[in-house]
Protein backbone atom coordinates (compact mmCIF):
# COMPACT_ATOMS: atom_id res chain seq x y z
CA UNK A 1 46.44 -35.35 27.64
CA UNK A 2 42.77 -35.04 26.97
CA UNK A 3 41.09 -37.20 24.36
CA UNK A 4 39.32 -35.38 21.56
CA UNK A 5 35.64 -35.95 21.48
CA UNK A 6 34.54 -37.88 18.48
CA UNK A 7 32.75 -35.85 15.72
CA UNK A 8 29.70 -37.97 15.94
CA UNK A 9 29.06 -36.85 19.49
CA UNK A 10 28.49 -33.26 18.34
CA UNK A 11 26.30 -34.42 15.50
CA UNK A 12 24.28 -36.67 17.88
CA UNK A 13 23.73 -33.77 20.26
CA UNK A 14 22.57 -31.49 17.44
CA UNK A 15 20.20 -34.11 16.16
CA UNK A 16 18.85 -34.66 19.65
CA UNK A 17 18.29 -30.94 20.10
CA UNK A 18 16.42 -30.69 16.85
CA UNK A 19 14.32 -33.74 17.61
CA UNK A 20 13.13 -32.31 20.98
CA UNK A 21 12.26 -28.66 20.86
CA UNK A 22 12.91 -26.50 23.91
CA UNK A 23 9.89 -26.39 26.24
CA UNK A 24 9.27 -22.70 25.39
CA UNK A 25 9.80 -23.04 21.70
CA UNK A 26 6.51 -21.80 20.22
CA UNK A 27 7.89 -21.12 16.75
CA UNK A 28 9.50 -24.26 15.36
CA UNK A 29 6.26 -26.00 14.34
CA UNK A 30 4.08 -22.91 14.05
CA UNK A 31 2.27 -22.30 10.76
CA UNK A 32 1.30 -18.82 11.86
CA UNK A 33 4.96 -17.95 12.60
CA UNK A 34 6.05 -19.36 9.22
CA UNK A 35 3.37 -17.35 7.44
CA UNK A 36 4.43 -14.19 9.25
CA UNK A 37 8.09 -14.69 8.40
CA UNK A 38 7.02 -15.13 4.73
CA UNK A 39 4.96 -12.03 4.97
CA UNK A 40 7.77 -9.98 6.42
CA UNK A 41 10.10 -11.08 3.61
CA UNK A 42 7.46 -10.40 0.96
CA UNK A 43 6.85 -6.87 2.39
CA UNK A 44 10.69 -6.22 2.60
CA UNK A 45 11.11 -7.32 -1.11
CA UNK A 46 7.95 -5.31 -2.12
CA UNK A 47 9.27 -2.12 -0.54
CA UNK A 48 12.74 -2.52 -1.96
CA UNK A 49 11.51 -3.23 -5.45
CA UNK A 50 8.24 -1.26 -5.64
CA UNK A 51 8.57 1.43 -2.90
CA UNK A 52 8.83 4.08 -5.63
CA UNK A 53 5.20 3.33 -6.77
CA UNK A 54 3.96 5.15 -3.58
CA UNK A 55 1.37 2.36 -2.94
CA UNK A 56 1.13 -0.19 -0.27
CA UNK A 57 0.20 -3.88 -1.17
CA UNK A 58 -3.28 -3.20 0.24
CA UNK A 59 -3.71 -0.13 -1.97
CA UNK A 60 -2.46 -1.90 -5.07
CA UNK A 61 -4.87 -4.78 -4.43
CA UNK A 62 -7.76 -2.44 -3.88
CA UNK A 63 -6.91 -0.43 -7.07
CA UNK A 64 -6.82 -3.73 -9.02
CA UNK A 65 -10.10 -4.90 -7.54
CA UNK A 66 -11.82 -1.61 -8.39
CA UNK A 67 -10.46 -1.82 -11.96
CA UNK A 68 -11.68 -5.37 -12.36
CA UNK A 69 -15.14 -4.61 -10.87
CA UNK A 70 -16.05 -1.20 -12.19
CA UNK A 71 -18.57 0.54 -9.94
CA UNK A 72 -17.82 -1.66 -6.82
CA UNK A 73 -19.01 -0.04 -3.61
CA UNK A 74 -16.93 0.40 -0.49
CA UNK A 75 -18.77 -2.30 1.46
CA UNK A 76 -18.17 -4.84 -1.30
CA UNK A 77 -14.51 -3.70 -1.56
CA UNK A 78 -14.06 -4.24 2.20
CA UNK A 79 -15.45 -7.79 1.83
CA UNK A 80 -13.13 -8.62 -1.10
CA UNK A 81 -10.12 -7.32 0.88
CA UNK A 82 -11.19 -9.01 4.19
CA UNK A 83 -11.04 -5.77 6.09
CA UNK A 84 -13.37 -3.56 8.12
CA UNK A 85 -15.32 -0.57 6.81
CA UNK A 86 -13.17 2.05 8.50
CA UNK A 87 -10.00 0.36 7.07
CA UNK A 88 -11.38 0.37 3.56
CA UNK A 89 -12.35 3.98 3.99
CA UNK A 90 -8.70 4.88 4.64
CA UNK A 91 -7.61 3.01 1.50
CA UNK A 92 -10.34 4.59 -0.66
CA UNK A 93 -9.56 8.03 0.72
CA UNK A 94 -5.84 7.61 -0.12
CA UNK A 95 -6.50 6.35 -3.58
CA UNK A 96 -8.90 9.14 -4.24
CA UNK A 97 -6.40 11.77 -2.85
CA UNK A 98 -3.84 10.34 -5.29
CA UNK A 99 -6.50 10.78 -8.14
CA UNK A 100 -6.28 7.06 -8.96
CA UNK A 101 -9.99 6.51 -8.32
CA UNK A 102 -13.13 8.53 -8.02
CA UNK A 103 -16.39 8.14 -6.07
CA UNK A 104 -19.51 8.36 -8.16
CA UNK A 105 -23.02 8.72 -6.65
CA UNK A 106 -25.06 5.57 -7.00
CA UNK A 107 -28.41 6.45 -8.71
CA UNK A 108 -30.33 3.92 -6.70
CA UNK A 109 -28.89 4.74 -3.24
CA UNK A 110 -27.67 8.20 -2.42
CA UNK A 111 -25.79 6.86 0.69
CA UNK A 112 -23.48 4.76 -1.40
CA UNK A 113 -20.74 5.50 -3.88
CA UNK A 114 -19.61 3.52 -6.84
CA UNK A 115 -15.77 3.38 -7.10
CA UNK A 116 -14.22 3.97 -10.57
CA UNK A 117 -10.57 3.91 -11.73
CA UNK A 118 -9.49 7.25 -13.12
CA UNK A 119 -7.32 7.54 -16.25
CA UNK A 120 -4.37 8.17 -13.86
CA UNK A 121 -5.30 4.97 -12.03
CA UNK A 122 -5.35 2.97 -15.29
CA UNK A 123 -1.90 4.42 -16.12
CA UNK A 124 -0.59 3.42 -12.66
CA UNK A 125 -1.91 -0.03 -13.08
CA UNK A 126 -0.15 -0.43 -16.37
CA UNK A 127 3.01 0.99 -14.88
CA UNK A 128 2.81 -1.56 -11.99
CA UNK A 129 2.35 -4.58 -14.22
CA UNK A 130 5.97 -5.21 -15.07
CA UNK A 131 7.20 -4.26 -11.70
CA UNK A 132 4.80 -6.66 -9.93
CA UNK A 133 5.86 -9.53 -12.31
CA UNK A 134 9.48 -8.94 -11.25
CA UNK A 135 8.42 -8.83 -7.65
CA UNK A 136 6.49 -12.06 -7.93
CA UNK A 137 9.51 -13.72 -9.69
CA UNK A 138 11.80 -12.58 -6.84
CA UNK A 139 9.71 -13.78 -3.94
CA UNK A 140 9.17 -17.16 -5.76
CA UNK A 141 12.71 -17.48 -6.87
CA UNK A 142 13.45 -20.52 -4.67
CA UNK A 143 10.39 -22.42 -5.81
CA UNK A 144 9.74 -24.38 -8.94
CA UNK A 145 6.68 -23.51 -11.02
CA UNK A 146 4.88 -26.45 -9.61
CA UNK A 147 5.91 -25.58 -5.97
CA UNK A 148 4.68 -22.05 -6.44
CA UNK A 149 1.27 -23.30 -7.68
CA UNK A 150 1.03 -25.75 -4.86
CA UNK A 151 1.90 -22.99 -2.30
CA UNK A 152 -0.78 -20.75 -3.77
CA UNK A 153 -3.32 -23.59 -3.46
CA UNK A 154 -2.28 -24.41 0.06
CA UNK A 155 -2.42 -20.73 1.18
CA UNK A 156 -5.86 -20.50 -0.37
CA UNK A 157 -6.96 -23.47 1.82
CA UNK A 158 -5.47 -21.75 4.91
CA UNK A 159 -7.07 -18.45 4.12
CA UNK A 160 -10.56 -19.87 3.46
CA UNK A 161 -12.75 -19.93 6.56
CA UNK A 162 -14.65 -23.10 7.55
């Protein structure tokens, strides 16, 4: 007859394994990995809830920024989005092709354009408001209001250079 192992032995082994990560475990205590997992979930929820809007999170953010800062130029938009000039050009081109924004010549500099939201863009922003509120509620569903605010503050700290 073999004696059954006491239940506490299994629990002790599990605790020991958790306390000492495997030598090649680069994820368990990685802020970058945790942020990436959260981003993947946020994008999955975004596409399942808002995929019918035909806009990516980057395009929605750009459209919102252009609406908030009427006449912003592409260079300033790139800075606000923390992306390069060629990347912002793709976003601006796609928003213009969808007739959500227009480029308007700058009177003081013919090499630059001011970006303006079109009436169709205004309509799209209004359409998105409720959907984005439901999306935000879903991705924050496991957080209290205070935890959500704290997470926003902490992520802002992580995202701010210097």
